[in-house]
């Protein structure tokens, strides 16, 4: 904002040559509070003009909380704190999330994982393998209801269950052959 005023008072010369002729000085101005922004803070605000406007638009929350939310925007966060009392379930879902990441085939968003974490925390099971997947699906439907928006959540729950079963029982013909019902999807590896 301030540079625009200087440019106007200089008679609005061609911008590139005008900028090239400026000297860099340490004005002592504070930089915007957000780590990724290098613009000057506006007045006594800790934010530049644009971020100050955003801060006002969301109701001027606590500055540190606003900064934390802005800097985390776009990054998925997976909060496993609801599972503190169920350590086994917490480790199992973390394992499934790590497998999904390592495969690098599907983006897994917190909007799919967070409801599964809350669902697992609210249930009576201490492990995903304590119940068959059919029982988890029924429990999911009874707690969450049926909605197209929840397909990703149920898919992640199935993915986690399958990968834990593979980890616990093994995979391939050696483990599938003795079973009464074969799940042919296990031969994907």
C-alpha atoms as a PDB file:
ATOM      1  CA  UNK A   1       0.000   0.000   0.000  1.00  0.00           C
ATOM      2  CA  UNK A   2       2.751   2.422   0.978  1.00  0.00           C
ATOM      3  CA  UNK A   3       4.811   1.674  -2.164  1.00  0.00           C
ATOM      4  CA  UNK A   4       1.797   2.344  -4.362  1.00  0.00           C
ATOM      5  CA  UNK A   5       1.509   5.850  -2.882  1.00  0.00           C
ATOM      6  CA  UNK A   6       5.213   6.525  -3.531  1.00  0.00           C
ATOM      7  CA  UNK A   7       4.778   5.296  -7.120  1.00  0.00           C
ATOM      8  CA  UNK A   8       1.764   7.586  -7.681  1.00  0.00           C
ATOM      9  CA  UNK A   9       3.635  10.612  -6.242  1.00  0.00           C
ATOM     10  CA  UNK A  10       6.552   9.845  -8.588  1.00  0.00           C
ATOM     11  CA  UNK A  11       4.180  10.398 -11.516  1.00  0.00           C
ATOM     12  CA  UNK A  12       3.342   6.712 -12.126  1.00  0.00           C
ATOM     13  CA  UNK A  13       6.479   5.889 -14.127  1.00  0.00           C
ATOM     14  CA  UNK A  14       7.043   2.523 -15.857  1.00  0.00           C
ATOM     15  CA  UNK A  15       7.002   0.059 -12.933  1.00  0.00           C
ATOM     16  CA  UNK A  16      10.026  -2.147 -13.670  1.00  0.00           C
ATOM     17  CA  UNK A  17      12.446   0.730 -14.169  1.00  0.00           C
ATOM     18  CA  UNK A  18      11.017   2.602 -11.165  1.00  0.00           C
ATOM     19  CA  UNK A  19      11.413  -0.475  -8.921  1.00  0.00           C
ATOM     20  CA  UNK A  20      14.947  -1.087 -10.220  1.00  0.00           C
ATOM     21  CA  UNK A  21      15.888   2.474  -9.218  1.00  0.00           C
ATOM     22  CA  UNK A  22      14.748   2.075  -5.607  1.00  0.00           C
ATOM     23  CA  UNK A  23      17.241   1.502  -2.837  1.00  0.00           C
ATOM     24  CA  UNK A  24      16.641  -1.142  -0.231  1.00  0.00           C
ATOM     25  CA  UNK A  25      16.609   0.220   3.279  1.00  0.00           C
ATOM     26  CA  UNK A  26      15.883  -1.325   6.628  1.00  0.00           C
ATOM     27  CA  UNK A  27      12.790   0.589   7.578  1.00  0.00           C
ATOM     28  CA  UNK A  28      12.369  -1.220  10.889  1.00  0.00           C
ATOM     29  CA  UNK A  29       8.866  -2.259   9.852  1.00  0.00           C
ATOM     30  CA  UNK A  30       7.515  -5.432  11.342  1.00  0.00           C
ATOM     31  CA  UNK A  31       6.808  -8.263   8.888  1.00  0.00           C
ATOM     32  CA  UNK A  32       3.452 -10.086   8.831  1.00  0.00           C
ATOM     33  CA  UNK A  33       3.094 -12.607  11.678  1.00  0.00           C
ATOM     34  CA  UNK A  34       2.489 -15.504   9.272  1.00  0.00           C
ATOM     35  CA  UNK A  35       5.777 -17.275   8.541  1.00  0.00           C
ATOM     36  CA  UNK A  36       5.096 -17.674   4.807  1.00  0.00           C
ATOM     37  CA  UNK A  37       4.264 -13.969   4.279  1.00  0.00           C
ATOM     38  CA  UNK A  38       7.034 -11.396   3.791  1.00  0.00           C
ATOM     39  CA  UNK A  39       4.841  -8.276   3.522  1.00  0.00           C
ATOM     40  CA  UNK A  40       4.934  -5.515   6.108  1.00  0.00           C
ATOM     41  CA  UNK A  41       2.484  -5.636   8.963  1.00  0.00           C
ATOM     42  CA  UNK A  42      -0.328  -3.097   8.663  1.00  0.00           C
ATOM     43  CA  UNK A  43      -0.172  -0.378  11.339  1.00  0.00           C
ATOM     44  CA  UNK A  44      -0.149  -1.891  14.821  1.00  0.00           C
ATOM     45  CA  UNK A  45      -1.605  -5.161  13.547  1.00  0.00           C
ATOM     46  CA  UNK A  46       0.697  -8.207  13.471  1.00  0.00           C
ATOM     47  CA  UNK A  47      -0.630  -8.994   9.967  1.00  0.00           C
ATOM     48  CA  UNK A  48      -0.188  -7.525   6.495  1.00  0.00           C
ATOM     49  CA  UNK A  49      -3.177  -5.812   4.886  1.00  0.00           C
ATOM     50  CA  UNK A  50      -4.538  -9.000   3.271  1.00  0.00           C
ATOM     51  CA  UNK A  51      -4.136 -11.271   6.314  1.00  0.00           C
ATOM     52  CA  UNK A  52      -5.514  -8.562   8.588  1.00  0.00           C
ATOM     53  CA  UNK A  53      -8.652  -8.503   6.394  1.00  0.00           C
ATOM     54  CA  UNK A  54      -8.949 -12.301   6.643  1.00  0.00           C
ATOM     55  CA  UNK A  55      -8.481 -12.127  10.420  1.00  0.00           C
ATOM     56  CA  UNK A  56     -11.328  -9.572  10.679  1.00  0.00           C
ATOM     57  CA  UNK A  57     -13.502 -11.648   8.326  1.00  0.00           C
ATOM     58  CA  UNK A  58     -13.355 -14.684  10.642  1.00  0.00           C
ATOM     59  CA  UNK A  59     -14.226 -12.637  13.718  1.00  0.00           C
ATOM     60  CA  UNK A  60     -10.747 -11.600  14.984  1.00  0.00           C
ATOM     61  CA  UNK A  61      -9.944 -14.806  16.893  1.00  0.00           C
ATOM     62  CA  UNK A  62      -6.877 -15.188  19.102  1.00  0.00           C
ATOM     63  CA  UNK A  63      -3.860 -14.164  17.009  1.00  0.00           C
ATOM     64  CA  UNK A  64      -1.809 -17.282  17.759  1.00  0.00           C
ATOM     65  CA  UNK A  65      -4.764 -19.581  16.983  1.00  0.00           C
ATOM     66  CA  UNK A  66      -5.449 -17.744  13.722  1.00  0.00           C
ATOM     67  CA  UNK A  67      -1.768 -17.984  12.732  1.00  0.00           C
ATOM     68  CA  UNK A  68      -1.698 -21.706  13.571  1.00  0.00           C
ATOM     69  CA  UNK A  69      -4.806 -22.365  11.453  1.00  0.00           C
ATOM     70  CA  UNK A  70      -3.462 -20.341   8.507  1.00  0.00           C
ATOM     71  CA  UNK A  71      -0.128 -22.127   8.559  1.00  0.00           C
ATOM     72  CA  UNK A  72      -1.786 -25.545   8.761  1.00  0.00           C
ATOM     73  CA  UNK A  73      -4.280 -24.826   5.963  1.00  0.00           C
ATOM     74  CA  UNK A  74      -4.077 -27.425   3.238  1.00  0.00           C
ATOM     75  CA  UNK A  75      -2.284 -29.963   5.423  1.00  0.00           C
ATOM     76  CA  UNK A  76      -4.330 -32.886   6.639  1.00  0.00           C
ATOM     77  CA  UNK A  77      -4.030 -33.539  10.346  1.00  0.00           C
ATOM     78  CA  UNK A  78      -4.980 -36.838  11.931  1.00  0.00           C
ATOM     79  CA  UNK A  79      -5.934 -36.506  15.583  1.00  0.00           C
ATOM     80  CA  UNK A  80      -5.644 -39.836  17.397  1.00  0.00           C
ATOM     81  CA  UNK A  81      -6.320 -38.385  20.861  1.00  0.00           C
ATOM     82  CA  UNK A  82      -9.849 -39.885  21.031  1.00  0.00           C
ATOM     83  CA  UNK A  83      -8.128 -43.296  21.047  1.00  0.00           C
ATOM     84  CA  UNK A  84      -5.800 -42.638  23.997  1.00  0.00           C
ATOM     85  CA  UNK A  85      -7.760 -45.123  26.129  1.00  0.00           C
ATOM     86  CA  UNK A  86      -7.660 -47.714  23.328  1.00  0.00           C
ATOM     87  CA  UNK A  87      -3.977 -48.004  22.540  1.00  0.00           C
ATOM     88  CA  UNK A  88      -4.347 -51.103  20.331  1.00  0.00           C
ATOM     89  CA  UNK A  89      -6.953 -49.450  18.096  1.00  0.00           C
ATOM     90  CA  UNK A  90      -4.840 -46.321  17.903  1.00  0.00           C
ATOM     91  CA  UNK A  91      -1.789 -48.309  16.744  1.00  0.00           C
ATOM     92  CA  UNK A  92      -3.883 -50.272  14.242  1.00  0.00           C
ATOM     93  CA  UNK A  93      -5.358 -47.176  12.605  1.00  0.00           C
ATOM     94  CA  UNK A  94      -1.960 -45.484  12.562  1.00  0.00           C
ATOM     95  CA  UNK A  95      -0.536 -48.587  10.859  1.00  0.00           C
ATOM     96  CA  UNK A  96      -3.316 -48.514   8.234  1.00  0.00           C
ATOM     97  CA  UNK A  97      -2.736 -44.817   7.591  1.00  0.00           C
ATOM     98  CA  UNK A  98       0.999 -45.436   7.178  1.00  0.00           C
ATOM     99  CA  UNK A  99       0.303 -48.322   4.746  1.00  0.00           C
ATOM    100  CA  UNK A 100      -2.009 -46.090   2.709  1.00  0.00           C
ATOM    101  CA  UNK A 101       0.659 -43.382   2.598  1.00  0.00           C
ATOM    102  CA  UNK A 102       3.433 -45.815   1.652  1.00  0.00           C
ATOM    103  CA  UNK A 103       1.389 -47.253  -1.228  1.00  0.00           C
ATOM    104  CA  UNK A 104       1.005 -43.728  -2.646  1.00  0.00           C
ATOM    105  CA  UNK A 105      -2.027 -44.711  -4.695  1.00  0.00           C
ATOM    106  CA  UNK A 106      -4.854 -42.891  -2.923  1.00  0.00           C
ATOM    107  CA  UNK A 107      -4.889 -39.576  -1.105  1.00  0.00           C
ATOM    108  CA  UNK A 108      -6.314 -40.145   2.344  1.00  0.00           C
ATOM    109  CA  UNK A 109      -7.877 -37.064   3.852  1.00  0.00           C
ATOM    110  CA  UNK A 110      -8.696 -36.411   7.478  1.00  0.00           C
ATOM    111  CA  UNK A 111     -12.359 -36.105   6.460  1.00  0.00           C
ATOM    112  CA  UNK A 112     -12.316 -39.879   5.837  1.00  0.00           C
ATOM    113  CA  UNK A 113     -10.091 -40.912   8.744  1.00  0.00           C
ATOM    114  CA  UNK A 114     -11.334 -38.685  11.602  1.00  0.00           C
ATOM    115  CA  UNK A 115     -14.867 -40.157  11.675  1.00  0.00           C
ATOM    116  CA  UNK A 116     -13.351 -43.671  11.706  1.00  0.00           C
ATOM    117  CA  UNK A 117     -11.163 -42.693  14.667  1.00  0.00           C
ATOM    118  CA  UNK A 118     -14.214 -41.363  16.537  1.00  0.00           C
ATOM    119  CA  UNK A 119     -16.236 -44.451  15.582  1.00  0.00           C
ATOM    120  CA  UNK A 120     -13.527 -46.801  16.860  1.00  0.00           C
ATOM    121  CA  UNK A 121     -13.197 -44.772  20.072  1.00  0.00           C
ATOM    122  CA  UNK A 122     -16.954 -44.972  20.735  1.00  0.00           C
ATOM    123  CA  UNK A 123     -17.244 -48.735  20.187  1.00  0.00           C
ATOM    124  CA  UNK A 124     -16.749 -51.617  22.594  1.00  0.00           C
ATOM    125  CA  UNK A 125     -14.026 -53.337  20.551  1.00  0.00           C
ATOM    126  CA  UNK A 126     -10.426 -52.970  21.670  1.00  0.00           C
ATOM    127  CA  UNK A 127      -9.064 -54.002  18.260  1.00  0.00           C
ATOM    128  CA  UNK A 128     -10.300 -53.827  14.672  1.00  0.00           C
ATOM    129  CA  UNK A 129      -9.767 -57.580  14.426  1.00  0.00           C
ATOM    130  CA  UNK A 130     -12.000 -58.224  17.430  1.00  0.00           C
ATOM    131  CA  UNK A 131     -15.022 -57.885  15.111  1.00  0.00           C
ATOM    132  CA  UNK A 132     -15.420 -59.196  11.550  1.00  0.00           C
ATOM    133  CA  UNK A 133     -15.715 -56.500   8.890  1.00  0.00           C
ATOM    134  CA  UNK A 134     -19.457 -57.176   8.536  1.00  0.00           C
ATOM    135  CA  UNK A 135     -19.973 -56.262  12.194  1.00  0.00           C
ATOM    136  CA  UNK A 136     -17.904 -53.087  11.768  1.00  0.00           C
ATOM    137  CA  UNK A 137     -20.012 -52.170   8.706  1.00  0.00           C
ATOM    138  CA  UNK A 138     -23.233 -52.684  10.668  1.00  0.00           C
ATOM    139  CA  UNK A 139     -21.893 -50.676  13.597  1.00  0.00           C
ATOM    140  CA  UNK A 140     -20.766 -47.941  11.209  1.00  0.00           C
ATOM    141  CA  UNK A 141     -24.245 -47.791   9.628  1.00  0.00           C
ATOM    142  CA  UNK A 142     -25.980 -47.707  13.025  1.00  0.00           C
ATOM    143  CA  UNK A 143     -23.785 -44.907  14.363  1.00  0.00           C
ATOM    144  CA  UNK A 144     -23.079 -42.852  11.231  1.00  0.00           C
ATOM    145  CA  UNK A 145     -26.172 -43.607   9.150  1.00  0.00           C
ATOM    146  CA  UNK A 146     -26.049 -44.147   5.417  1.00  0.00           C
ATOM    147  CA  UNK A 147     -24.787 -41.378   3.198  1.00  0.00           C
ATOM    148  CA  UNK A 148     -22.881 -41.152  -0.067  1.00  0.00           C
ATOM    149  CA  UNK A 149     -20.478 -38.719   1.645  1.00  0.00           C
ATOM    150  CA  UNK A 150     -19.387 -41.499   4.002  1.00  0.00           C
ATOM    151  CA  UNK A 151     -18.164 -43.927   1.333  1.00  0.00           C
ATOM    152  CA  UNK A 152     -14.561 -42.849   1.879  1.00  0.00           C
ATOM    153  CA  UNK A 153     -14.893 -43.378   5.614  1.00  0.00           C
ATOM    154  CA  UNK A 154     -16.205 -46.926   5.262  1.00  0.00           C
ATOM    155  CA  UNK A 155     -13.596 -47.623   2.570  1.00  0.00           C
ATOM    156  CA  UNK A 156     -10.808 -46.578   4.943  1.00  0.00           C
ATOM    157  CA  UNK A 157     -12.284 -48.759   7.693  1.00  0.00           C
ATOM    158  CA  UNK A 158     -12.333 -51.742   5.285  1.00  0.00           C
ATOM    159  CA  UNK A 159      -8.800 -50.959   4.133  1.00  0.00           C
ATOM    160  CA  UNK A 160      -7.557 -50.845   7.733  1.00  0.00           C
ATOM    161  CA  UNK A 161      -9.316 -54.106   8.608  1.00  0.00           C
ATOM    162  CA  UNK A 162      -7.902 -55.917   5.540  1.00  0.00           C
ATOM    163  CA  UNK A 163      -4.348 -54.734   6.149  1.00  0.00           C
ATOM    164  CA  UNK A 164      -4.443 -55.695   9.812  1.00  0.00           C
ATOM    165  CA  UNK A 165      -5.833 -59.099   8.921  1.00  0.00           C
ATOM    166  CA  UNK A 166      -2.976 -59.552   6.411  1.00  0.00           C
ATOM    167  CA  UNK A 167      -0.489 -58.502   9.076  1.00  0.00           C
ATOM    168  CA  UNK A 168      -1.937 -60.855  11.688  1.00  0.00           C
ATOM    169  CA  UNK A 169      -2.732 -63.875   9.496  1.00  0.00           C
ATOM    170  CA  UNK A 170      -0.520 -63.426   6.472  1.00  0.00           C
ATOM    171  CA  UNK A 171      -1.613 -63.174   2.871  1.00  0.00           C
ATOM    172  CA  UNK A 172      -1.508 -65.280  -0.251  1.00  0.00           C
ATOM    173  CA  UNK A 173      -2.566 -68.845  -1.046  1.00  0.00           C
ATOM    174  CA  UNK A 174      -0.942 -70.271   2.080  1.00  0.00           C
ATOM    175  CA  UNK A 175      -3.372 -68.415   4.338  1.00  0.00           C
ATOM    176  CA  UNK A 176      -6.389 -68.306   2.024  1.00  0.00           C
ATOM    177  CA  UNK A 177      -6.484 -71.957   0.903  1.00  0.00           C
ATOM    178  CA  UNK A 178      -7.481 -73.499   4.276  1.00  0.00           C
ATOM    179  CA  UNK A 179     -10.433 -71.110   4.685  1.00  0.00           C
ATOM    180  CA  UNK A 180     -13.992 -72.104   3.865  1.00  0.00           C
ATOM    181  CA  UNK A 181     -14.576 -68.797   2.023  1.00  0.00           C
ATOM    182  CA  UNK A 182     -11.834 -67.408  -0.184  1.00  0.00           C
ATOM    183  CA  UNK A 183     -11.369 -63.694  -0.609  1.00  0.00           C
ATOM    184  CA  UNK A 184      -9.742 -63.402  -4.022  1.00  0.00           C
ATOM    185  CA  UNK A 185      -8.857 -59.741  -3.491  1.00  0.00           C
ATOM    186  CA  UNK A 186      -5.960 -60.793  -1.275  1.00  0.00           C
ATOM    187  CA  UNK A 187      -3.987 -61.779  -4.354  1.00  0.00           C
ATOM    188  CA  UNK A 188      -3.538 -58.180  -5.419  1.00  0.00           C
ATOM    189  CA  UNK A 189       0.046 -58.067  -4.165  1.00  0.00           C
END
